[in-house]
Amino acid sequence: CIVERFGVDPSRTLMVGDRLETDI
């Protein structure tokens, strides 16, 4: 959904989260 709306490049995008089993 994010890629469809904003066209982000996964190789230049970071994911920040607090839960290993979901966010990471």
mmCIF file of all heavy atoms, coordinates in Angstrom:
data_MODEL
# 
_entry.id   MODEL 
# 
loop_
_atom_site.group_PDB 
_atom_site.id 
_atom_site.type_symbol 
_atom_site.label_atom_id 
_atom_site.label_alt_id 
_atom_site.label_comp_id 
_atom_site.label_asym_id 
_atom_site.label_entity_id 
_atom_site.label_seq_id 
_atom_site.pdbx_PDB_ins_code 
_atom_site.Cartn_x 
_atom_site.Cartn_y 
_atom_site.Cartn_z 
_atom_site.occupancy 
_atom_site.B_iso_or_equiv 
_atom_site.pdbx_formal_charge 
_atom_site.auth_seq_id 
_atom_site.auth_comp_id 
_atom_site.auth_asym_id 
_atom_site.auth_atom_id 
_atom_site.pdbx_PDB_model_num 
ATOM 1   N N   . CYS A 1 1  ? 0.829  -1.206  0.000  1.00 0.00 ? 1  CYS A N   1 
ATOM 2   C CA  . CYS A 1 1  ? 0.000  0.000   0.000  1.00 0.00 ? 1  CYS A CA  1 
ATOM 3   C C   . CYS A 1 1  ? 0.863  1.256   0.000  1.00 0.00 ? 1  CYS A C   1 
ATOM 4   O O   . CYS A 1 1  ? 0.552  2.248   -0.684 1.00 0.00 ? 1  CYS A O   1 
ATOM 5   C CB  . CYS A 1 1  ? -0.930 0.012   1.221  1.00 0.00 ? 1  CYS A CB  1 
ATOM 6   S SG  . CYS A 1 1  ? -2.183 -1.294  1.229  1.00 0.00 ? 1  CYS A SG  1 
ATOM 7   N N   . ILE A 1 2  ? 1.952  1.230   0.764  1.00 0.00 ? 2  ILE A N   1 
ATOM 8   C CA  . ILE A 1 2  ? 2.861  2.370   0.821  1.00 0.00 ? 2  ILE A CA  1 
ATOM 9   C C   . ILE A 1 2  ? 3.532  2.594   -0.527 1.00 0.00 ? 2  ILE A C   1 
ATOM 10  O O   . ILE A 1 2  ? 3.612  3.726   -1.024 1.00 0.00 ? 2  ILE A O   1 
ATOM 11  C CB  . ILE A 1 2  ? 3.914  2.147   1.922  1.00 0.00 ? 2  ILE A CB  1 
ATOM 12  C CG1 . ILE A 1 2  ? 3.252  2.163   3.296  1.00 0.00 ? 2  ILE A CG1 1 
ATOM 13  C CG2 . ILE A 1 2  ? 5.015  3.195   1.849  1.00 0.00 ? 2  ILE A CG2 1 
ATOM 14  C CD1 . ILE A 1 2  ? 4.166  1.718   4.426  1.00 0.00 ? 2  ILE A CD1 1 
ATOM 15  N N   . VAL A 1 3  ? 4.008  1.524   -1.131 1.00 0.00 ? 3  VAL A N   1 
ATOM 16  C CA  . VAL A 1 3  ? 4.679  1.637   -2.432 1.00 0.00 ? 3  VAL A CA  1 
ATOM 17  C C   . VAL A 1 3  ? 3.714  2.173   -3.478 1.00 0.00 ? 3  VAL A C   1 
ATOM 18  O O   . VAL A 1 3  ? 4.076  3.020   -4.314 1.00 0.00 ? 3  VAL A O   1 
ATOM 19  C CB  . VAL A 1 3  ? 5.251  0.274   -2.861 1.00 0.00 ? 3  VAL A CB  1 
ATOM 20  C CG1 . VAL A 1 3  ? 5.748  0.328   -4.297 1.00 0.00 ? 3  VAL A CG1 1 
ATOM 21  C CG2 . VAL A 1 3  ? 6.376  -0.146  -1.923 1.00 0.00 ? 3  VAL A CG2 1 
ATOM 22  N N   . GLU A 1 4  ? 2.466  1.712   -3.445 1.00 0.00 ? 4  GLU A N   1 
ATOM 23  C CA  . GLU A 1 4  ? 1.481  2.182   -4.417 1.00 0.00 ? 4  GLU A CA  1 
ATOM 24  C C   . GLU A 1 4  ? 1.230  3.675   -4.279 1.00 0.00 ? 4  GLU A C   1 
ATOM 25  O O   . GLU A 1 4  ? 1.064  4.378   -5.265 1.00 0.00 ? 4  GLU A O   1 
ATOM 26  C CB  . GLU A 1 4  ? 0.173  1.410   -4.244 1.00 0.00 ? 4  GLU A CB  1 
ATOM 27  C CG  . GLU A 1 4  ? -0.897 1.797   -5.254 1.00 0.00 ? 4  GLU A CG  1 
ATOM 28  C CD  . GLU A 1 4  ? -2.160 0.974   -5.104 1.00 0.00 ? 4  GLU A CD  1 
ATOM 29  O OE1 . GLU A 1 4  ? -2.167 0.000   -4.334 1.00 0.00 ? 4  GLU A OE1 1 
ATOM 30  O OE2 . GLU A 1 4  ? -3.150 1.314   -5.772 1.00 0.00 ? 4  GLU A OE2 1 
ATOM 31  N N   . ARG A 1 5  ? 1.227  4.174   -3.041 1.00 0.00 ? 5  ARG A N   1 
ATOM 32  C CA  . ARG A 1 5  ? 0.923  5.588   -2.819 1.00 0.00 ? 5  ARG A CA  1 
ATOM 33  C C   . ARG A 1 5  ? 2.140  6.490   -2.980 1.00 0.00 ? 5  ARG A C   1 
ATOM 34  O O   . ARG A 1 5  ? 2.041  7.596   -3.522 1.00 0.00 ? 5  ARG A O   1 
ATOM 35  C CB  . ARG A 1 5  ? 0.324  5.789   -1.425 1.00 0.00 ? 5  ARG A CB  1 
ATOM 36  C CG  . ARG A 1 5  ? -0.150 7.219   -1.155 1.00 0.00 ? 5  ARG A CG  1 
ATOM 37  C CD  . ARG A 1 5  ? -0.791 7.363   0.209  1.00 0.00 ? 5  ARG A CD  1 
ATOM 38  N NE  . ARG A 1 5  ? -2.012 6.567   0.348  1.00 0.00 ? 5  ARG A NE  1 
ATOM 39  C CZ  . ARG A 1 5  ? -2.742 6.506   1.463  1.00 0.00 ? 5  ARG A CZ  1 
ATOM 40  N NH1 . ARG A 1 5  ? -2.351 7.213   2.534  1.00 0.00 ? 5  ARG A NH1 1 
ATOM 41  N NH2 . ARG A 1 5  ? -3.833 5.757   1.519  1.00 0.00 ? 5  ARG A NH2 1 
ATOM 42  N N   . PHE A 1 6  ? 3.320  6.025   -2.508 1.00 0.00 ? 6  PHE A N   1 
ATOM 43  C CA  . PHE A 1 6  ? 4.487  6.906   -2.461 1.00 0.00 ? 6  PHE A CA  1 
ATOM 44  C C   . PHE A 1 6  ? 5.672  6.424   -3.303 1.00 0.00 ? 6  PHE A C   1 
ATOM 45  O O   . PHE A 1 6  ? 6.651  7.158   -3.450 1.00 0.00 ? 6  PHE A O   1 
ATOM 46  C CB  . PHE A 1 6  ? 4.955  7.097   -1.013 1.00 0.00 ? 6  PHE A CB  1 
ATOM 47  C CG  . PHE A 1 6  ? 4.008  7.902   -0.174 1.00 0.00 ? 6  PHE A CG  1 
ATOM 48  C CD1 . PHE A 1 6  ? 3.181  7.282   0.751  1.00 0.00 ? 6  PHE A CD1 1 
ATOM 49  C CD2 . PHE A 1 6  ? 3.927  9.279   -0.315 1.00 0.00 ? 6  PHE A CD2 1 
ATOM 50  C CE1 . PHE A 1 6  ? 2.308  8.028   1.532  1.00 0.00 ? 6  PHE A CE1 1 
ATOM 51  C CE2 . PHE A 1 6  ? 3.059  10.031  0.451  1.00 0.00 ? 6  PHE A CE2 1 
ATOM 52  C CZ  . PHE A 1 6  ? 2.235  9.402   1.378  1.00 0.00 ? 6  PHE A CZ  1 
ATOM 53  N N   . GLY A 1 7  ? 5.634  5.195   -3.804 1.00 0.00 ? 7  GLY A N   1 
ATOM 54  C CA  . GLY A 1 7  ? 6.716  4.714   -4.646 1.00 0.00 ? 7  GLY A CA  1 
ATOM 55  C C   . GLY A 1 7  ? 8.064  4.659   -3.958 1.00 0.00 ? 7  GLY A C   1 
ATOM 56  O O   . GLY A 1 7  ? 9.081  5.011   -4.557 1.00 0.00 ? 7  GLY A O   1 
ATOM 57  N N   . VAL A 1 8  ? 8.107  4.240   -2.689 1.00 0.00 ? 8  VAL A N   1 
ATOM 58  C CA  . VAL A 1 8  ? 9.363  4.228   -1.946 1.00 0.00 ? 8  VAL A CA  1 
ATOM 59  C C   . VAL A 1 8  ? 10.303 3.141   -2.459 1.00 0.00 ? 8  VAL A C   1 
ATOM 60  O O   . VAL A 1 8  ? 9.872  2.120   -3.011 1.00 0.00 ? 8  VAL A O   1 
ATOM 61  C CB  . VAL A 1 8  ? 9.117  4.038   -0.436 1.00 0.00 ? 8  VAL A CB  1 
ATOM 62  C CG1 . VAL A 1 8  ? 8.241  5.148   0.111  1.00 0.00 ? 8  VAL A CG1 1 
ATOM 63  C CG2 . VAL A 1 8  ? 8.493  2.678   -0.146 1.00 0.00 ? 8  VAL A CG2 1 
ATOM 64  N N   . ASP A 1 9  ? 11.603 3.390   -2.288 1.00 0.00 ? 9  ASP A N   1 
ATOM 65  C CA  . ASP A 1 9  ? 12.648 2.453   -2.682 1.00 0.00 ? 9  ASP A CA  1 
ATOM 66  C C   . ASP A 1 9  ? 13.056 1.655   -1.449 1.00 0.00 ? 9  ASP A C   1 
ATOM 67  O O   . ASP A 1 9  ? 13.626 2.218   -0.504 1.00 0.00 ? 9  ASP A O   1 
ATOM 68  C CB  . ASP A 1 9  ? 13.843 3.240   -3.235 1.00 0.00 ? 9  ASP A CB  1 
ATOM 69  C CG  . ASP A 1 9  ? 15.009 2.341   -3.636 1.00 0.00 ? 9  ASP A CG  1 
ATOM 70  O OD1 . ASP A 1 9  ? 14.930 1.111   -3.431 1.00 0.00 ? 9  ASP A OD1 1 
ATOM 71  O OD2 . ASP A 1 9  ? 16.007 2.879   -4.147 1.00 0.00 ? 9  ASP A OD2 1 
ATOM 72  N N   . PRO A 1 10 ? 12.798 0.344   -1.408 1.00 0.00 ? 10 PRO A N   1 
ATOM 73  C CA  . PRO A 1 10 ? 13.139 -0.442  -0.208 1.00 0.00 ? 10 PRO A CA  1 
ATOM 74  C C   . PRO A 1 10 ? 14.606 -0.345  0.174  1.00 0.00 ? 10 PRO A C   1 
ATOM 75  O O   . PRO A 1 10 ? 14.946 -0.351  1.362  1.00 0.00 ? 10 PRO A O   1 
ATOM 76  C CB  . PRO A 1 10 ? 12.757 -1.874  -0.600 1.00 0.00 ? 10 PRO A CB  1 
ATOM 77  C CG  . PRO A 1 10 ? 11.767 -1.728  -1.697 1.00 0.00 ? 10 PRO A CG  1 
ATOM 78  C CD  . PRO A 1 10 ? 12.140 -0.482  -2.437 1.00 0.00 ? 10 PRO A CD  1 
ATOM 79  N N   . SER A 1 11 ? 15.492 -0.249  -0.811 1.00 0.00 ? 11 SER A N   1 
ATOM 80  C CA  . SER A 1 11 ? 16.927 -0.223  -0.511 1.00 0.00 ? 11 SER A CA  1 
ATOM 81  C C   . SER A 1 11 ? 17.361 1.063   0.168  1.00 0.00 ? 11 SER A C   1 
ATOM 82  O O   . SER A 1 11 ? 18.465 1.137   0.720  1.00 0.00 ? 11 SER A O   1 
ATOM 83  C CB  . SER A 1 11 ? 17.735 -0.430  -1.797 1.00 0.00 ? 11 SER A CB  1 
ATOM 84  O OG  . SER A 1 11 ? 17.609 0.687   -2.664 1.00 0.00 ? 11 SER A OG  1 
ATOM 85  N N   . ARG A 1 12 ? 16.487 2.094   0.153  1.00 0.00 ? 12 ARG A N   1 
ATOM 86  C CA  . ARG A 1 12 ? 16.830 3.380   0.778  1.00 0.00 ? 12 ARG A CA  1 
ATOM 87  C C   . ARG A 1 12 ? 15.791 3.776   1.831  1.00 0.00 ? 12 ARG A C   1 
ATOM 88  O O   . ARG A 1 12 ? 15.575 4.943   2.096  1.00 0.00 ? 12 ARG A O   1 
ATOM 89  C CB  . ARG A 1 12 ? 16.976 4.466   -0.293 1.00 0.00 ? 12 ARG A CB  1 
ATOM 90  C CG  . ARG A 1 12 ? 18.070 4.160   -1.311 1.00 0.00 ? 12 ARG A CG  1 
ATOM 91  C CD  . ARG A 1 12 ? 18.313 5.319   -2.233 1.00 0.00 ? 12 ARG A CD  1 
ATOM 92  N NE  . ARG A 1 12 ? 18.825 6.493   -1.514 1.00 0.00 ? 12 ARG A NE  1 
ATOM 93  C CZ  . ARG A 1 12 ? 18.998 7.685   -2.079 1.00 0.00 ? 12 ARG A CZ  1 
ATOM 94  N NH1 . ARG A 1 12 ? 18.694 7.861   -3.369 1.00 0.00 ? 12 ARG A NH1 1 
ATOM 95  N NH2 . ARG A 1 12 ? 19.463 8.705   -1.363 1.00 0.00 ? 12 ARG A NH2 1 
ATOM 96  N N   . THR A 1 13 ? 15.161 2.752   2.404  1.00 0.00 ? 13 THR A N   1 
ATOM 97  C CA  . THR A 1 13 ? 14.133 2.980   3.414  1.00 0.00 ? 13 THR A CA  1 
ATOM 98  C C   . THR A 1 13 ? 14.445 2.151   4.653  1.00 0.00 ? 13 THR A C   1 
ATOM 99  O O   . THR A 1 13 ? 14.833 0.984   4.541  1.00 0.00 ? 13 THR A O   1 
ATOM 100 C CB  . THR A 1 13 ? 12.741 2.601   2.867  1.00 0.00 ? 13 THR A CB  1 
ATOM 101 O OG1 . THR A 1 13 ? 12.477 3.345   1.677  1.00 0.00 ? 13 THR A OG1 1 
ATOM 102 C CG2 . THR A 1 13 ? 11.650 2.902   3.886  1.00 0.00 ? 13 THR A CG2 1 
ATOM 103 N N   . LEU A 1 14 ? 14.280 2.744   5.825  1.00 0.00 ? 14 LEU A N   1 
ATOM 104 C CA  . LEU A 1 14 ? 14.529 2.071   7.095  1.00 0.00 ? 14 LEU A CA  1 
ATOM 105 C C   . LEU A 1 14 ? 13.210 1.805   7.807  1.00 0.00 ? 14 LEU A C   1 
ATOM 106 O O   . LEU A 1 14 ? 12.292 2.616   7.750  1.00 0.00 ? 14 LEU A O   1 
ATOM 107 C CB  . LEU A 1 14 ? 15.413 2.934   7.999  1.00 0.00 ? 14 LEU A CB  1 
ATOM 108 C CG  . LEU A 1 14 ? 16.763 3.383   7.421  1.00 0.00 ? 14 LEU A CG  1 
ATOM 109 C CD1 . LEU A 1 14 ? 17.419 4.393   8.345  1.00 0.00 ? 14 LEU A CD1 1 
ATOM 110 C CD2 . LEU A 1 14 ? 17.664 2.178   7.217  1.00 0.00 ? 14 LEU A CD2 1 
ATOM 111 N N   . MET A 1 15 ? 13.121 0.674   8.503  1.00 0.00 ? 15 MET A N   1 
ATOM 112 C CA  . MET A 1 15 ? 11.964 0.346   9.335  1.00 0.00 ? 15 MET A CA  1 
ATOM 113 C C   . MET A 1 15 ? 12.367 0.443   10.793 1.00 0.00 ? 15 MET A C   1 
ATOM 114 O O   . MET A 1 15 ? 13.330 -0.197  11.223 1.00 0.00 ? 15 MET A O   1 
ATOM 115 C CB  . MET A 1 15 ? 11.450 -1.071  9.014  1.00 0.00 ? 15 MET A CB  1 
ATOM 116 C CG  . MET A 1 15 ? 10.312 -1.528  9.923  1.00 0.00 ? 15 MET A CG  1 
ATOM 117 S SD  . MET A 1 15 ? 8.814  -0.555  9.700  1.00 0.00 ? 15 MET A SD  1 
ATOM 118 C CE  . MET A 1 15 ? 8.048  -0.711  11.321 1.00 0.00 ? 15 MET A CE  1 
ATOM 119 N N   . VAL A 1 16 ? 11.618 1.256   11.562 1.00 0.00 ? 16 VAL A N   1 
ATOM 120 C CA  . VAL A 1 16 ? 11.911 1.465   12.972 1.00 0.00 ? 16 VAL A CA  1 
ATOM 121 C C   . VAL A 1 16 ? 10.736 0.942   13.793 1.00 0.00 ? 16 VAL A C   1 
ATOM 122 O O   . VAL A 1 16 ? 9.598  1.391   13.611 1.00 0.00 ? 16 VAL A O   1 
ATOM 123 C CB  . VAL A 1 16 ? 12.134 2.960   13.281 1.00 0.00 ? 16 VAL A CB  1 
ATOM 124 C CG1 . VAL A 1 16 ? 12.556 3.139   14.739 1.00 0.00 ? 16 VAL A CG1 1 
ATOM 125 C CG2 . VAL A 1 16 ? 13.170 3.558   12.337 1.00 0.00 ? 16 VAL A CG2 1 
ATOM 126 N N   . GLY A 1 17 ? 10.980 -0.001  14.690 1.00 0.00 ? 17 GLY A N   1 
ATOM 127 C CA  . GLY A 1 17 ? 9.900  -0.568  15.485 1.00 0.00 ? 17 GLY A CA  1 
ATOM 128 C C   . GLY A 1 17 ? 10.378 -1.090  16.820 1.00 0.00 ? 17 GLY A C   1 
ATOM 129 O O   . GLY A 1 17 ? 11.587 -1.119  17.093 1.00 0.00 ? 17 GLY A O   1 
ATOM 130 N N   . ASP A 1 18 ? 9.411  -1.510  17.642 1.00 0.00 ? 18 ASP A N   1 
ATOM 131 C CA  . ASP A 1 18 ? 9.736  -1.979  18.994 1.00 0.00 ? 18 ASP A CA  1 
ATOM 132 C C   . ASP A 1 18 ? 9.421  -3.451  19.197 1.00 0.00 ? 18 ASP A C   1 
ATOM 133 O O   . ASP A 1 18 ? 9.658  -3.977  20.287 1.00 0.00 ? 18 ASP A O   1 
ATOM 134 C CB  . ASP A 1 18 ? 8.963  -1.156  20.030 1.00 0.00 ? 18 ASP A CB  1 
ATOM 135 C CG  . ASP A 1 18 ? 7.473  -1.476  20.025 1.00 0.00 ? 18 ASP A CG  1 
ATOM 136 O OD1 . ASP A 1 18 ? 6.858  -1.434  18.938 1.00 0.00 ? 18 ASP A OD1 1 
ATOM 137 O OD2 . ASP A 1 18 ? 6.917  -1.761  21.105 1.00 0.00 ? 18 ASP A OD2 1 
ATOM 138 N N   . ARG A 1 19 ? 8.884  -4.115  18.176 1.00 0.00 ? 19 ARG A N   1 
ATOM 139 C CA  . ARG A 1 19 ? 8.451  -5.506  18.357 1.00 0.00 ? 19 ARG A CA  1 
ATOM 140 C C   . ARG A 1 19 ? 9.140  -6.376  17.301 1.00 0.00 ? 19 ARG A C   1 
ATOM 141 O O   . ARG A 1 19 ? 8.931  -6.200  16.094 1.00 0.00 ? 19 ARG A O   1 
ATOM 142 C CB  . ARG A 1 19 ? 6.933  -5.594  18.230 1.00 0.00 ? 19 ARG A CB  1 
ATOM 143 C CG  . ARG A 1 19 ? 6.307  -6.770  18.939 1.00 0.00 ? 19 ARG A CG  1 
ATOM 144 C CD  . ARG A 1 19 ? 4.804  -6.557  19.119 1.00 0.00 ? 19 ARG A CD  1 
ATOM 145 N NE  . ARG A 1 19 ? 4.232  -7.523  20.039 1.00 0.00 ? 19 ARG A NE  1 
ATOM 146 C CZ  . ARG A 1 19 ? 3.095  -7.354  20.697 1.00 0.00 ? 19 ARG A CZ  1 
ATOM 147 N NH1 . ARG A 1 19 ? 2.396  -6.246  20.551 1.00 0.00 ? 19 ARG A NH1 1 
ATOM 148 N NH2 . ARG A 1 19 ? 2.642  -8.279  21.510 1.00 0.00 ? 19 ARG A NH2 1 
ATOM 149 N N   . LEU A 1 20 ? 9.942  -7.324  17.772 1.00 0.00 ? 20 LEU A N   1 
ATOM 150 C CA  . LEU A 1 20 ? 10.729 -8.143  16.851 1.00 0.00 ? 20 LEU A CA  1 
ATOM 151 C C   . LEU A 1 20 ? 9.854  -8.970  15.927 1.00 0.00 ? 20 LEU A C   1 
ATOM 152 O O   . LEU A 1 20 ? 10.118 -9.074  14.720 1.00 0.00 ? 20 LEU A O   1 
ATOM 153 C CB  . LEU A 1 20 ? 11.653 -9.068  17.648 1.00 0.00 ? 20 LEU A CB  1 
ATOM 154 C CG  . LEU A 1 20 ? 12.715 -8.377  18.526 1.00 0.00 ? 20 LEU A CG  1 
ATOM 155 C CD1 . LEU A 1 20 ? 13.392 -9.401  19.425 1.00 0.00 ? 20 LEU A CD1 1 
ATOM 156 C CD2 . LEU A 1 20 ? 13.739 -7.654  17.664 1.00 0.00 ? 20 LEU A CD2 1 
ATOM 157 N N   . GLU A 1 21 ? 8.799  -9.573  16.480 1.00 0.00 ? 21 GLU A N   1 
ATOM 158 C CA  . GLU A 1 21 ? 7.990  -10.531 15.710 1.00 0.00 ? 21 GLU A CA  1 
ATOM 159 C C   . GLU A 1 21 ? 7.097  -9.865  14.675 1.00 0.00 ? 21 GLU A C   1 
ATOM 160 O O   . GLU A 1 21 ? 6.577  -10.556 13.788 1.00 0.00 ? 21 GLU A O   1 
ATOM 161 C CB  . GLU A 1 21 ? 7.145  -11.375 16.670 1.00 0.00 ? 21 GLU A CB  1 
ATOM 162 C CG  . GLU A 1 21 ? 7.940  -12.286 17.580 1.00 0.00 ? 21 GLU A CG  1 
ATOM 163 C CD  . GLU A 1 21 ? 8.505  -11.583 18.806 1.00 0.00 ? 21 GLU A CD  1 
ATOM 164 O OE1 . GLU A 1 21 ? 8.209  -10.372 18.999 1.00 0.00 ? 21 GLU A OE1 1 
ATOM 165 O OE2 . GLU A 1 21 ? 9.252  -12.223 19.562 1.00 0.00 ? 21 GLU A OE2 1 
ATOM 166 N N   . THR A 1 22 ? 6.900  -8.580  14.777 1.00 0.00 ? 22 THR A N   1 
ATOM 167 C CA  . THR A 1 22 ? 6.068  -7.875  13.789 1.00 0.00 ? 22 THR A CA  1 
ATOM 168 C C   . THR A 1 22 ? 6.876  -6.829  13.040 1.00 0.00 ? 22 THR A C   1 
ATOM 169 O O   . THR A 1 22 ? 7.097  -6.941  11.835 1.00 0.00 ? 22 THR A O   1 
ATOM 170 C CB  . THR A 1 22 ? 4.842  -7.229  14.449 1.00 0.00 ? 22 THR A CB  1 
ATOM 171 O OG1 . THR A 1 22 ? 5.249  -6.442  15.570 1.00 0.00 ? 22 THR A OG1 1 
ATOM 172 C CG2 . THR A 1 22 ? 3.852  -8.284  14.897 1.00 0.00 ? 22 THR A CG2 1 
ATOM 173 N N   . ASP A 1 23 ? 7.363  -5.805  13.734 1.00 0.00 ? 23 ASP A N   1 
ATOM 174 C CA  . ASP A 1 23 ? 8.049  -4.700  13.061 1.00 0.00 ? 23 ASP A CA  1 
ATOM 175 C C   . ASP A 1 23 ? 9.335  -5.133  12.375 1.00 0.00 ? 23 ASP A C   1 
ATOM 176 O O   . ASP A 1 23 ? 9.560  -4.808  11.197 1.00 0.00 ? 23 ASP A O   1 
ATOM 177 C CB  . ASP A 1 23 ? 8.381  -3.596  14.077 1.00 0.00 ? 23 ASP A CB  1 
ATOM 178 C CG  . ASP A 1 23 ? 7.160  -3.057  14.777 1.00 0.00 ? 23 ASP A CG  1 
ATOM 179 O OD1 . ASP A 1 23 ? 6.115  -2.908  14.112 1.00 0.00 ? 23 ASP A OD1 1 
ATOM 180 O OD2 . ASP A 1 23 ? 7.234  -2.779  15.983 1.00 0.00 ? 23 ASP A OD2 1 
ATOM 181 N N   . ILE A 1 24 ? 10.188 -5.826  13.101 1.00 0.00 ? 24 ILE A N   1 
ATOM 182 C CA  . ILE A 1 24 ? 11.487 -6.198  12.530 1.00 0.00 ? 24 ILE A CA  1 
ATOM 183 C C   . ILE A 1 24 ? 11.317 -7.255  11.440 1.00 0.00 ? 24 ILE A C   1 
ATOM 184 O O   . ILE A 1 24 ? 11.942 -7.168  10.376 1.00 0.00 ? 24 ILE A O   1 
ATOM 185 C CB  . ILE A 1 24 ? 12.439 -6.691  13.647 1.00 0.00 ? 24 ILE A CB  1 
ATOM 186 C CG1 . ILE A 1 24 ? 12.644 -5.582  14.687 1.00 0.00 ? 24 ILE A CG1 1 
ATOM 187 C CG2 . ILE A 1 24 ? 13.771 -7.134  13.047 1.00 0.00 ? 24 ILE A CG2 1 
ATOM 188 C CD1 . ILE A 1 24 ? 13.070 -4.224  14.128 1.00 0.00 ? 24 ILE A CD1 1 
# 
